C-alpha cells in the first residue's frame, strides 16, 4: 500500500507531527481502512526522511518530550506528483485466498463442499456490505462516503463472483464437479517421467 504517498499528500498541506498525521490520515480515508499503527507511521516517516522526501525538525516543549515536526521537501512534492499522475494496478494482482478455496472445493468433486465454501463467503460478504452501507450513511465527509461506496462496489463484485461460481459449478447436477474430480492428476510412480503419471499397463 502506498501509505507513504498518502503521508506526503498530508504534509503537502503543511508541516505536521506523528500523532497529528495519524489522526489526519484516519479522518481522510474513513473507517473502512482501520486505524493506522503509529509505530508503522514513524517507520514510514523515517524512510521518507532517509530518502530526502521530508525533513524532520525537533521542537522543544516546556513539559512534554520534544516534538518532531516533518515537512515535505521539493523532492517529496515531485514524488507525490509522480505518484498522482500514474494509474494504480491492483497491489496483489488477482491472487486471492477465496479463489484458491473455490479451486480446492471444485476439484474435490463434492457439491456439499462447494456449497459450504460459497455459502460461507456469501454470508460474510453480505455482512460486510451491510456494515459498509451503515458506515456510508453515517459519514459526513463526501470523500469518505465515496471511498466507502468504492469498498461496497468491490464487495458487490465479489458477491457476483460467488454467484458465477455457483452457476458454473452447481447448476448442472454435478457433471462439472465429477469431470474436475476425474481430471485430478494421480501420483507418478517412482522414477516415472511427469508425462507417464497416467500411463496404464
C-alpha atoms as a PDB file:
ATOM      1  CA  UNK A   1       0.000   0.000   0.000  1.00  0.00           C
ATOM      2  CA  UNK A   2       1.238   3.472  -0.861  1.00  0.00           C
ATOM      3  CA  UNK A   3       0.707   4.902   2.614  1.00  0.00           C
ATOM      4  CA  UNK A   4       3.969   6.800   2.265  1.00  0.00           C
ATOM      5  CA  UNK A   5       2.426   8.761  -0.590  1.00  0.00           C
ATOM      6  CA  UNK A   6      -0.691   9.490   1.468  1.00  0.00           C
ATOM      7  CA  UNK A   7       1.630  10.855   4.176  1.00  0.00           C
ATOM      8  CA  UNK A   8       3.364  13.043   1.584  1.00  0.00           C
ATOM      9  CA  UNK A   9      -0.051  14.319   0.488  1.00  0.00           C
ATOM     10  CA  UNK A  10      -0.926  15.254   4.078  1.00  0.00           C
ATOM     11  CA  UNK A  11       2.419  17.002   4.541  1.00  0.00           C
ATOM     12  CA  UNK A  12       1.902  18.901   1.278  1.00  0.00           C
ATOM     13  CA  UNK A  13      -0.713  20.888   3.220  1.00  0.00           C
ATOM     14  CA  UNK A  14       1.871  21.961   5.801  1.00  0.00           C
ATOM     15  CA  UNK A  15       4.292  20.618   8.429  1.00  0.00           C
ATOM     16  CA  UNK A  16       2.937  18.112  10.952  1.00  0.00           C
ATOM     17  CA  UNK A  17       3.986  15.556  13.573  1.00  0.00           C
ATOM     18  CA  UNK A  18       3.296  11.869  14.112  1.00  0.00           C
ATOM     19  CA  UNK A  19       0.047  11.738  16.077  1.00  0.00           C
ATOM     20  CA  UNK A  20      -1.412  14.666  14.140  1.00  0.00           C
ATOM     21  CA  UNK A  21      -0.647  12.842  10.877  1.00  0.00           C
ATOM     22  CA  UNK A  22      -2.209   9.645  12.247  1.00  0.00           C
ATOM     23  CA  UNK A  23      -5.442  11.487  13.055  1.00  0.00           C
ATOM     24  CA  UNK A  24      -5.474  13.325   9.732  1.00  0.00           C
ATOM     25  CA  UNK A  25      -4.937  10.091   7.789  1.00  0.00           C
ATOM     26  CA  UNK A  26      -7.724   8.238   9.611  1.00  0.00           C
ATOM     27  CA  UNK A  27     -10.112  11.167   9.160  1.00  0.00           C
ATOM     28  CA  UNK A  28      -9.237  11.468   5.464  1.00  0.00           C
ATOM     29  CA  UNK A  29      -9.656   7.818   4.422  1.00  0.00           C
ATOM     30  CA  UNK A  30     -12.540   6.885   6.712  1.00  0.00           C
ATOM     31  CA  UNK A  31     -13.330   3.894   8.930  1.00  0.00           C
ATOM     32  CA  UNK A  32     -13.155   1.173   6.284  1.00  0.00           C
ATOM     33  CA  UNK A  33      -9.344   1.418   6.307  1.00  0.00           C
ATOM     34  CA  UNK A  34      -8.992   0.898  10.033  1.00  0.00           C
ATOM     35  CA  UNK A  35      -6.610   2.640  12.448  1.00  0.00           C
ATOM     36  CA  UNK A  36      -3.097   3.482  11.308  1.00  0.00           C
ATOM     37  CA  UNK A  37      -0.455   1.952  13.574  1.00  0.00           C
ATOM     38  CA  UNK A  38       1.653   4.785  14.997  1.00  0.00           C
ATOM     39  CA  UNK A  39       4.804   2.650  15.006  1.00  0.00           C
ATOM     40  CA  UNK A  40       4.331   1.868  11.330  1.00  0.00           C
ATOM     41  CA  UNK A  41       3.742   5.568  10.633  1.00  0.00           C
ATOM     42  CA  UNK A  42       7.035   6.505  12.284  1.00  0.00           C
ATOM     43  CA  UNK A  43       8.812   3.855  10.196  1.00  0.00           C
ATOM     44  CA  UNK A  44       7.334   5.465   7.074  1.00  0.00           C
ATOM     45  CA  UNK A  45       8.409   8.932   8.237  1.00  0.00           C
ATOM     46  CA  UNK A  46      11.941   7.662   8.911  1.00  0.00           C
ATOM     47  CA  UNK A  47      12.093   6.139   5.431  1.00  0.00           C
ATOM     48  CA  UNK A  48      10.793   9.319   3.808  1.00  0.00           C
ATOM     49  CA  UNK A  49      13.382  11.289   5.743  1.00  0.00           C
ATOM     50  CA  UNK A  50      16.224   8.958   4.676  1.00  0.00           C
ATOM     51  CA  UNK A  51      15.076   9.261   1.058  1.00  0.00           C
ATOM     52  CA  UNK A  52      15.145  13.062   1.269  1.00  0.00           C
ATOM     53  CA  UNK A  53      11.401  13.385   0.680  1.00  0.00           C
ATOM     54  CA  UNK A  54      10.725  15.002   4.068  1.00  0.00           C
ATOM     55  CA  UNK A  55      12.855  16.831   6.614  1.00  0.00           C
ATOM     56  CA  UNK A  56      12.427  16.452  10.360  1.00  0.00           C
ATOM     57  CA  UNK A  57      12.915  19.217  12.899  1.00  0.00           C
ATOM     58  CA  UNK A  58      12.839  18.726  16.653  1.00  0.00           C
ATOM     59  CA  UNK A  59      10.727  21.263  18.561  1.00  0.00           C
ATOM     60  CA  UNK A  60      11.254  21.628  22.315  1.00  0.00           C
ATOM     61  CA  UNK A  61       8.147  21.588  24.529  1.00  0.00           C
ATOM     62  CA  UNK A  62       8.027  23.008  28.067  1.00  0.00           C
ATOM     63  CA  UNK A  63       6.649  19.865  29.748  1.00  0.00           C
ATOM     64  CA  UNK A  64       6.339  17.019  27.260  1.00  0.00           C
ATOM     65  CA  UNK A  65       9.241  15.436  25.333  1.00  0.00           C
ATOM     66  CA  UNK A  66      10.463  17.221  22.225  1.00  0.00           C
ATOM     67  CA  UNK A  67       8.092  17.010  19.262  1.00  0.00           C
ATOM     68  CA  UNK A  68       9.479  16.009  15.860  1.00  0.00           C
ATOM     69  CA  UNK A  69       7.797  18.017  13.093  1.00  0.00           C
ATOM     70  CA  UNK A  70       8.022  16.800   9.487  1.00  0.00           C
ATOM     71  CA  UNK A  71       7.918  18.933   6.353  1.00  0.00           C
ATOM     72  CA  UNK A  72       7.811  17.818   2.725  1.00  0.00           C
ATOM     73  CA  UNK A  73      10.820  18.704   0.557  1.00  0.00           C
ATOM     74  CA  UNK A  74      10.788  19.703  -3.136  1.00  0.00           C
ATOM     75  CA  UNK A  75      11.832  16.125  -3.921  1.00  0.00           C
ATOM     76  CA  UNK A  76       8.880  14.907  -1.853  1.00  0.00           C
ATOM     77  CA  UNK A  77       6.460  17.115  -3.782  1.00  0.00           C
ATOM     78  CA  UNK A  78       7.897  15.815  -7.065  1.00  0.00           C
ATOM     79  CA  UNK A  79       7.439  12.221  -5.880  1.00  0.00           C
ATOM     80  CA  UNK A  80       3.860  12.983  -4.833  1.00  0.00           C
ATOM     81  CA  UNK A  81       3.143  14.498  -8.276  1.00  0.00           C
ATOM     82  CA  UNK A  82       4.669  11.441  -9.982  1.00  0.00           C
ATOM     83  CA  UNK A  83       2.520   9.065  -7.899  1.00  0.00           C
ATOM     84  CA  UNK A  84      -0.677  11.026  -8.546  1.00  0.00           C
ATOM     85  CA  UNK A  85      -0.031  11.023 -12.307  1.00  0.00           C
ATOM     86  CA  UNK A  86       0.289   7.208 -12.541  1.00  0.00           C
ATOM     87  CA  UNK A  87      -2.515   4.627 -12.716  1.00  0.00           C
ATOM     88  CA  UNK A  88      -2.837   2.203  -9.788  1.00  0.00           C
ATOM     89  CA  UNK A  89      -2.674  -1.520 -10.627  1.00  0.00           C
ATOM     90  CA  UNK A  90      -4.107  -3.976  -8.089  1.00  0.00           C
ATOM     91  CA  UNK A  91      -1.438  -4.401  -5.434  1.00  0.00           C
ATOM     92  CA  UNK A  92      -1.927  -8.173  -5.204  1.00  0.00           C
ATOM     93  CA  UNK A  93      -2.892  -8.819  -8.802  1.00  0.00           C
ATOM     94  CA  UNK A  94      -5.692 -11.399  -8.799  1.00  0.00           C
ATOM     95  CA  UNK A  95      -4.155 -13.692  -6.193  1.00  0.00           C
ATOM     96  CA  UNK A  96      -6.898 -14.196  -3.668  1.00  0.00           C
ATOM     97  CA  UNK A  97      -7.415 -16.697  -0.842  1.00  0.00           C
ATOM     98  CA  UNK A  98     -11.050 -17.241  -1.823  1.00  0.00           C
ATOM     99  CA  UNK A  99     -10.084 -18.087  -5.423  1.00  0.00           C
ATOM    100  CA  UNK A 100      -7.881 -20.854  -4.028  1.00  0.00           C
ATOM    101  CA  UNK A 101     -10.731 -22.112  -1.809  1.00  0.00           C
ATOM    102  CA  UNK A 102     -13.064 -22.295  -4.801  1.00  0.00           C
ATOM    103  CA  UNK A 103     -10.383 -24.191  -6.740  1.00  0.00           C
ATOM    104  CA  UNK A 104      -9.849 -26.679  -3.901  1.00  0.00           C
ATOM    105  CA  UNK A 105     -13.578 -27.166  -3.312  1.00  0.00           C
ATOM    106  CA  UNK A 106     -14.344 -27.614  -7.014  1.00  0.00           C
ATOM    107  CA  UNK A 107     -11.580 -30.147  -7.559  1.00  0.00           C
ATOM    108  CA  UNK A 108     -12.729 -32.151  -4.539  1.00  0.00           C
ATOM    109  CA  UNK A 109     -15.720 -33.118  -6.667  1.00  0.00           C
ATOM    110  CA  UNK A 110     -18.025 -32.703  -3.671  1.00  0.00           C
ATOM    111  CA  UNK A 111     -21.067 -30.490  -4.234  1.00  0.00           C
ATOM    112  CA  UNK A 112     -21.596 -30.156  -0.468  1.00  0.00           C
ATOM    113  CA  UNK A 113     -18.072 -28.763  -0.059  1.00  0.00           C
ATOM    114  CA  UNK A 114     -18.624 -26.244  -2.844  1.00  0.00           C
ATOM    115  CA  UNK A 115     -21.958 -25.169  -1.329  1.00  0.00           C
ATOM    116  CA  UNK A 116     -20.337 -24.698   2.077  1.00  0.00           C
ATOM    117  CA  UNK A 117     -17.471 -22.608   0.718  1.00  0.00           C
ATOM    118  CA  UNK A 118     -19.739 -20.433  -1.419  1.00  0.00           C
ATOM    119  CA  UNK A 119     -22.419 -20.106   1.257  1.00  0.00           C
ATOM    120  CA  UNK A 120     -19.956 -19.064   3.958  1.00  0.00           C
ATOM    121  CA  UNK A 121     -18.377 -16.498   1.661  1.00  0.00           C
ATOM    122  CA  UNK A 122     -21.742 -15.092   0.580  1.00  0.00           C
ATOM    123  CA  UNK A 123     -22.840 -14.676   4.225  1.00  0.00           C
ATOM    124  CA  UNK A 124     -19.546 -12.968   5.094  1.00  0.00           C
ATOM    125  CA  UNK A 125     -19.821 -10.592   2.125  1.00  0.00           C
ATOM    126  CA  UNK A 126     -23.427  -9.717   2.922  1.00  0.00           C
ATOM    127  CA  UNK A 127     -22.421  -8.794   6.495  1.00  0.00           C
ATOM    128  CA  UNK A 128     -19.570  -6.693   5.124  1.00  0.00           C
ATOM    129  CA  UNK A 129     -21.891  -4.951   2.681  1.00  0.00           C
ATOM    130  CA  UNK A 130     -24.390  -4.092   5.438  1.00  0.00           C
ATOM    131  CA  UNK A 131     -21.576  -2.746   7.615  1.00  0.00           C
ATOM    132  CA  UNK A 132     -20.202  -0.557   4.805  1.00  0.00           C
ATOM    133  CA  UNK A 133     -23.685   0.712   3.997  1.00  0.00           C
ATOM    134  CA  UNK A 134     -24.192   1.766   7.627  1.00  0.00           C
ATOM    135  CA  UNK A 135     -20.813   3.495   7.740  1.00  0.00           C
ATOM    136  CA  UNK A 136     -21.563   5.321   4.480  1.00  0.00           C
ATOM    137  CA  UNK A 137     -24.908   6.615   5.765  1.00  0.00           C
ATOM    138  CA  UNK A 138     -23.228   7.973   8.912  1.00  0.00           C
ATOM    139  CA  UNK A 139     -20.245   9.559   7.137  1.00  0.00           C
ATOM    140  CA  UNK A 140     -20.214  13.359   6.934  1.00  0.00           C
ATOM    141  CA  UNK A 141     -17.153  13.754   4.689  1.00  0.00           C
ATOM    142  CA  UNK A 142     -18.030  13.391   0.962  1.00  0.00           C
ATOM    143  CA  UNK A 143     -14.656  11.795   0.156  1.00  0.00           C
ATOM    144  CA  UNK A 144     -15.086   9.231   2.953  1.00  0.00           C
ATOM    145  CA  UNK A 145     -18.578   8.448   1.586  1.00  0.00           C
ATOM    146  CA  UNK A 146     -17.036   7.993  -1.867  1.00  0.00           C
ATOM    147  CA  UNK A 147     -14.369   5.622  -0.523  1.00  0.00           C
ATOM    148  CA  UNK A 148     -16.983   3.616   1.375  1.00  0.00           C
ATOM    149  CA  UNK A 149     -19.039   3.413  -1.811  1.00  0.00           C
ATOM    150  CA  UNK A 150     -15.970   2.112  -3.668  1.00  0.00           C
ATOM    151  CA  UNK A 151     -15.446  -0.528  -0.962  1.00  0.00           C
ATOM    152  CA  UNK A 152     -19.106  -1.569  -1.339  1.00  0.00           C
ATOM    153  CA  UNK A 153     -18.681  -1.960  -5.093  1.00  0.00           C
ATOM    154  CA  UNK A 154     -15.700  -4.268  -4.508  1.00  0.00           C
ATOM    155  CA  UNK A 155     -17.846  -6.403  -2.196  1.00  0.00           C
ATOM    156  CA  UNK A 156     -20.676  -6.445  -4.752  1.00  0.00           C
ATOM    157  CA  UNK A 157     -18.195  -7.668  -7.390  1.00  0.00           C
ATOM    158  CA  UNK A 158     -17.076 -10.437  -5.016  1.00  0.00           C
ATOM    159  CA  UNK A 159     -20.733 -11.408  -4.484  1.00  0.00           C
ATOM    160  CA  UNK A 160     -21.204 -11.563  -8.259  1.00  0.00           C
ATOM    161  CA  UNK A 161     -18.220 -13.935  -8.453  1.00  0.00           C
ATOM    162  CA  UNK A 162     -19.841 -16.183  -5.819  1.00  0.00           C
ATOM    163  CA  UNK A 163     -22.982 -16.268  -7.988  1.00  0.00           C
ATOM    164  CA  UNK A 164     -20.879 -17.040 -11.072  1.00  0.00           C
ATOM    165  CA  UNK A 165     -19.093 -19.861  -9.262  1.00  0.00           C
ATOM    166  CA  UNK A 166     -22.406 -21.325  -8.091  1.00  0.00           C
ATOM    167  CA  UNK A 167     -23.798 -21.274 -11.628  1.00  0.00           C
ATOM    168  CA  UNK A 168     -20.667 -22.744 -13.183  1.00  0.00           C
ATOM    169  CA  UNK A 169     -20.110 -25.491 -10.618  1.00  0.00           C
ATOM    170  CA  UNK A 170     -23.520 -26.488  -9.266  1.00  0.00           C
ATOM    171  CA  UNK A 171     -26.154 -25.733 -11.914  1.00  0.00           C
ATOM    172  CA  UNK A 172     -25.698 -28.952 -13.926  1.00  0.00           C
ATOM    173  CA  UNK A 173     -26.383 -31.595 -11.291  1.00  0.00           C
ATOM    174  CA  UNK A 174     -22.717 -32.241 -10.544  1.00  0.00           C
ATOM    175  CA  UNK A 175     -21.393 -33.041 -14.013  1.00  0.00           C
ATOM    176  CA  UNK A 176     -18.726 -30.329 -13.943  1.00  0.00           C
ATOM    177  CA  UNK A 177     -17.574 -31.358 -10.458  1.00  0.00           C
ATOM    178  CA  UNK A 178     -17.374 -35.003 -11.492  1.00  0.00           C
ATOM    179  CA  UNK A 179     -15.307 -34.042 -14.523  1.00  0.00           C
ATOM    180  CA  UNK A 180     -12.977 -31.918 -12.395  1.00  0.00           C
ATOM    181  CA  UNK A 181     -12.556 -34.715  -9.841  1.00  0.00           C
ATOM    182  CA  UNK A 182     -11.822 -37.251 -12.570  1.00  0.00           C
ATOM    183  CA  UNK A 183      -9.236 -34.922 -14.075  1.00  0.00           C
ATOM    184  CA  UNK A 184      -7.136 -34.709 -10.898  1.00  0.00           C
ATOM    185  CA  UNK A 185      -3.515 -35.747 -11.592  1.00  0.00           C
ATOM    186  CA  UNK A 186      -2.533 -39.003  -9.934  1.00  0.00           C
ATOM    187  CA  UNK A 187       0.789 -39.525  -8.191  1.00  0.00           C
ATOM    188  CA  UNK A 188       3.546 -40.632 -10.536  1.00  0.00           C
ATOM    189  CA  UNK A 189       5.271 -43.931  -9.884  1.00  0.00           C
ATOM    190  CA  UNK A 190       8.833 -43.647  -8.539  1.00  0.00           C
ATOM    191  CA  UNK A 191      11.198 -42.810 -11.361  1.00  0.00           C
ATOM    192  CA  UNK A 192       8.431 -42.148 -13.854  1.00  0.00           C
ATOM    193  CA  UNK A 193       8.501 -39.124 -16.098  1.00  0.00           C
ATOM    194  CA  UNK A 194       5.811 -36.476 -15.404  1.00  0.00           C
ATOM    195  CA  UNK A 195       4.058 -37.360 -18.640  1.00  0.00           C
ATOM    196  CA  UNK A 196       3.909 -41.050 -17.619  1.00  0.00           C
ATOM    197  CA  UNK A 197       1.888 -40.456 -14.431  1.00  0.00           C
ATOM    198  CA  UNK A 198      -1.336 -41.675 -16.083  1.00  0.00           C
ATOM    199  CA  UNK A 199       0.213 -44.476 -18.080  1.00  0.00           C
ATOM    200  CA  UNK A 200      -1.535 -47.814 -17.697  1.00  0.00           C
ATOM    201  CA  UNK A 201      -0.174 -51.195 -18.495  1.00  0.00           C
END
